[in-house]
């Protein structure tokens, strides 16, 4: 590879790295555990990636006897919300916002991943598409942790976000449902957590 081509590749990679810093400005409705502010989407992605490292033993495929490709799953966790730089965070219980969510996020994926050199653009876009489809063992596990993380934070701030938006027990269970496909063990834990939140008055029946 000549110096010019090498520099062009590096320039595109650096441009992408600088671009994704904008994810730190995308605020989610979820509060941080100390409840003094909303978490941002970059923090969320980092958080579930660490969860993936720690909780991979509970992945559905591993429980069934096959190891998942943990690195692939972690890559998905790290890139799945990059599209929110353009599309913004759509609150999971916002029915109106959900109507054009896929369209907004697909348009964002088209722009942002295309900043990269072609091979890396294709790889990261494929990972994003795989996460969204939630059909592979790795994407099911990544989606499970995505849903579990928000549930954990909402529980540990005393249900403040649930209460602010009048969220019910049924809505939380519906939203958490993908955990079951990614990890039956974590699904049992999630259901128990939701039941405890109801019992403690943190979540409406």
Protein backbone atom coordinates (compact mmCIF):
# COMPACT_ATOMS: atom_id res chain seq x y z
CA UNK A 1 0.00 0.00 0.00
CA UNK A 2 1.46 3.37 -0.96
CA UNK A 3 1.66 6.25 1.49
CA UNK A 4 -1.22 8.11 -0.13
CA UNK A 5 -3.69 5.25 0.12
CA UNK A 6 -2.60 4.50 3.67
CA UNK A 7 -3.11 8.12 4.68
CA UNK A 8 -6.54 8.24 3.04
CA UNK A 9 -7.63 5.14 4.96
CA UNK A 10 -6.37 6.50 8.26
CA UNK A 11 -8.03 9.86 7.61
CA UNK A 12 -11.41 8.18 7.13
CA UNK A 13 -10.96 6.12 10.31
CA UNK A 14 -10.04 9.22 12.31
CA UNK A 15 -13.00 11.12 10.85
CA UNK A 16 -15.31 8.34 12.02
CA UNK A 17 -13.70 8.27 15.48
CA UNK A 18 -14.25 12.02 15.84
CA UNK A 19 -17.82 11.72 14.51
CA UNK A 20 -18.87 9.10 17.05
CA UNK A 21 -17.79 11.39 19.90
CA UNK A 22 -21.15 13.05 19.22
CA UNK A 23 -22.86 10.01 20.75
CA UNK A 24 -21.81 11.40 24.15
CA UNK A 25 -24.27 14.25 23.58
CA UNK A 26 -27.29 12.01 22.96
CA UNK A 27 -29.21 11.81 26.22
CA UNK A 28 -31.44 8.89 27.13
CA UNK A 29 -34.43 8.99 29.47
CA UNK A 30 -32.68 6.54 31.78
CA UNK A 31 -31.01 8.02 34.85
CA UNK A 32 -27.56 7.09 36.07
CA UNK A 33 -27.59 5.06 39.29
CA UNK A 34 -26.73 8.07 41.43
CA UNK A 35 -29.77 9.68 39.76
CA UNK A 36 -28.20 13.10 39.30
CA UNK A 37 -28.48 13.11 35.51
CA UNK A 38 -29.57 11.21 32.41
CA UNK A 39 -27.11 8.74 30.94
CA UNK A 40 -25.93 9.32 27.40
CA UNK A 41 -25.94 6.75 24.62
CA UNK A 42 -22.16 6.33 24.58
CA UNK A 43 -22.22 5.42 28.27
CA UNK A 44 -25.06 3.00 27.63
CA UNK A 45 -23.11 1.24 24.88
CA UNK A 46 -20.00 0.95 27.06
CA UNK A 47 -22.10 -0.36 29.94
CA UNK A 48 -23.72 -3.20 28.02
CA UNK A 49 -20.38 -4.14 26.44
CA UNK A 50 -18.95 -4.65 29.93
CA UNK A 51 -22.08 -6.59 30.83
CA UNK A 52 -21.38 -8.80 27.82
CA UNK A 53 -17.91 -9.61 29.11
CA UNK A 54 -19.24 -10.47 32.56
CA UNK A 55 -22.49 -12.26 31.67
CA UNK A 56 -21.60 -14.22 28.53
CA UNK A 57 -21.87 -17.48 30.47
CA UNK A 58 -25.65 -16.92 30.51
CA UNK A 59 -26.07 -16.57 26.75
CA UNK A 60 -28.80 -18.86 25.46
CA UNK A 61 -26.54 -20.67 23.00
CA UNK A 62 -23.88 -21.29 25.62
CA UNK A 63 -26.49 -22.68 27.98
CA UNK A 64 -27.49 -24.98 25.11
CA UNK A 65 -23.94 -26.16 24.64
CA UNK A 66 -22.59 -23.85 21.92
CA UNK A 67 -20.29 -20.93 22.61
CA UNK A 68 -21.36 -17.61 21.15
CA UNK A 69 -18.90 -15.37 19.33
CA UNK A 70 -18.49 -12.95 22.22
CA UNK A 71 -16.30 -10.49 20.33
CA UNK A 72 -18.95 -10.20 17.60
CA UNK A 73 -21.64 -9.64 20.21
CA UNK A 74 -19.57 -6.95 21.95
CA UNK A 75 -18.93 -5.20 18.63
CA UNK A 76 -22.69 -5.08 18.11
CA UNK A 77 -23.22 -3.62 21.57
CA UNK A 78 -20.65 -0.91 20.87
CA UNK A 79 -22.05 0.16 17.48
CA UNK A 80 -25.80 -0.43 17.84
CA UNK A 81 -26.62 3.10 19.00
CA UNK A 82 -24.20 5.08 16.82
CA UNK A 83 -27.13 5.93 14.54
CA UNK A 84 -28.62 8.02 17.35
CA UNK A 85 -26.09 10.74 16.49
CA UNK A 86 -28.47 11.65 13.66
CA UNK A 87 -31.70 9.92 14.67
CA UNK A 88 -31.70 10.80 18.36
CA UNK A 89 -32.80 8.46 21.12
CA UNK A 90 -36.38 7.29 20.74
CA UNK A 91 -37.94 6.62 24.13
CA UNK A 92 -38.92 2.97 24.20
CA UNK A 93 -42.51 3.73 25.27
CA UNK A 94 -43.03 6.53 22.73
CA UNK A 95 -45.50 5.05 20.24
CA UNK A 96 -45.43 8.08 17.94
CA UNK A 97 -41.64 8.20 17.86
CA UNK A 98 -41.50 4.49 17.07
CA UNK A 99 -43.45 4.97 13.83
CA UNK A 100 -40.52 6.41 11.87
CA UNK A 101 -37.70 5.14 14.09
CA UNK A 102 -36.44 2.56 11.60
CA UNK A 103 -36.51 5.04 8.74
CA UNK A 104 -34.58 7.67 10.72
CA UNK A 105 -32.04 5.18 12.00
CA UNK A 106 -31.50 3.53 8.60
CA UNK A 107 -30.82 6.93 7.04
CA UNK A 108 -28.35 7.65 9.86
CA UNK A 109 -26.62 4.30 9.36
CA UNK A 110 -26.27 5.05 5.64
CA UNK A 111 -24.45 8.30 6.40
CA UNK A 112 -22.37 7.53 9.46
CA UNK A 113 -20.93 4.11 8.59
CA UNK A 114 -20.11 5.35 5.08
CA UNK A 115 -17.50 7.67 6.60
CA UNK A 116 -15.25 4.64 7.12
CA UNK A 117 -13.11 2.87 4.51
CA UNK A 118 -15.34 0.56 2.47
CA UNK A 119 -14.37 -2.70 4.19
CA UNK A 120 -14.91 -1.36 7.70
CA UNK A 121 -18.06 0.49 6.65
CA UNK A 122 -19.49 -2.80 5.39
CA UNK A 123 -18.47 -4.66 8.56
CA UNK A 124 -19.96 -2.18 11.01
CA UNK A 125 -23.12 -1.69 8.95
CA UNK A 126 -23.58 -5.48 8.85
CA UNK A 127 -23.19 -5.61 12.63
CA UNK A 128 -25.81 -2.89 13.04
CA UNK A 129 -28.21 -4.70 10.70
CA UNK A 130 -27.59 -7.97 12.55
CA UNK A 131 -28.38 -6.35 15.90
CA UNK A 132 -31.59 -4.86 14.53
CA UNK A 133 -32.73 -8.17 13.03
CA UNK A 134 -32.05 -10.05 16.30
CA UNK A 135 -31.94 -13.44 14.58
CA UNK A 136 -28.44 -14.74 15.39
CA UNK A 137 -27.36 -16.02 18.80
CA UNK A 138 -24.96 -13.09 19.18
CA UNK A 139 -27.53 -10.45 18.29
CA UNK A 140 -30.13 -12.00 20.59
CA UNK A 141 -27.64 -11.86 23.46
CA UNK A 142 -26.70 -8.27 22.63
CA UNK A 143 -30.37 -7.27 22.55
CA UNK A 144 -30.98 -9.06 25.84
CA UNK A 145 -28.30 -6.98 27.56
CA UNK A 146 -29.56 -3.81 25.92
CA UNK A 147 -32.98 -4.36 27.52
CA UNK A 148 -31.61 -5.62 30.83
CA UNK A 149 -29.35 -2.61 31.34
CA UNK A 150 -32.22 -0.12 31.21
CA UNK A 151 -34.27 -2.30 33.52
CA UNK A 152 -31.44 -2.44 36.06
CA UNK A 153 -30.94 1.33 36.05
CA UNK A 154 -34.67 2.06 36.35
CA UNK A 155 -34.93 -0.33 39.28
CA UNK A 156 -31.88 1.06 41.08
CA UNK A 157 -33.06 4.68 40.88
CA UNK A 158 -36.29 3.73 42.60
CA UNK A 159 -38.41 3.58 39.47
CA UNK A 160 -38.20 7.34 38.93
CA UNK A 161 -38.24 7.16 35.13
CA UNK A 162 -41.11 4.66 35.13
CA UNK A 163 -43.12 6.87 37.47
CA UNK A 164 -42.40 10.06 35.54
CA UNK A 165 -43.79 8.54 32.34
CA UNK A 166 -46.59 6.49 33.97
CA UNK A 167 -45.10 3.22 32.77
CA UNK A 168 -46.89 0.05 33.85
CA UNK A 169 -45.75 -3.44 34.77
CA UNK A 170 -47.16 -4.80 31.50
CA UNK A 171 -45.19 -2.28 29.45
CA UNK A 172 -41.94 -3.15 31.19
CA UNK A 173 -42.44 -6.88 30.68
CA UNK A 174 -43.28 -6.29 27.02
CA UNK A 175 -40.17 -4.17 26.55
CA UNK A 176 -37.96 -6.72 28.34
CA UNK A 177 -39.27 -9.70 26.35
CA UNK A 178 -36.20 -9.98 24.04
CA UNK A 179 -34.15 -10.94 27.09
CA UNK A 180 -35.82 -14.35 26.98
CA UNK A 181 -34.44 -15.19 23.53
CA UNK A 182 -30.95 -14.04 24.40
CA UNK A 183 -30.70 -15.60 27.85
CA UNK A 184 -33.38 -17.63 29.65
CA UNK A 185 -31.42 -17.26 32.89
CA UNK A 186 -31.30 -13.47 32.67
CA UNK A 187 -34.99 -13.46 31.69
CA UNK A 188 -35.87 -15.17 34.96
CA UNK A 189 -33.78 -12.60 36.81
CA UNK A 190 -35.46 -9.74 34.94
CA UNK A 191 -38.96 -11.00 35.72
CA UNK A 192 -38.08 -11.33 39.39
CA UNK A 193 -36.71 -7.78 39.38
CA UNK A 194 -39.89 -6.42 37.82
CA UNK A 195 -42.04 -8.32 40.34
CA UNK A 196 -39.97 -6.87 43.17
CA UNK A 197 -40.33 -3.37 41.71
CA UNK A 198 -44.13 -3.80 41.73
CA UNK A 199 -44.07 -5.15 45.29
CA UNK A 200 -42.02 -2.17 46.46
CA UNK A 201 -44.27 0.34 44.73
CA UNK A 202 -41.58 1.40 42.25
CA UNK A 203 -43.67 0.33 39.27
CA UNK A 204 -47.41 0.51 38.61
CA UNK A 205 -49.32 -2.77 38.39
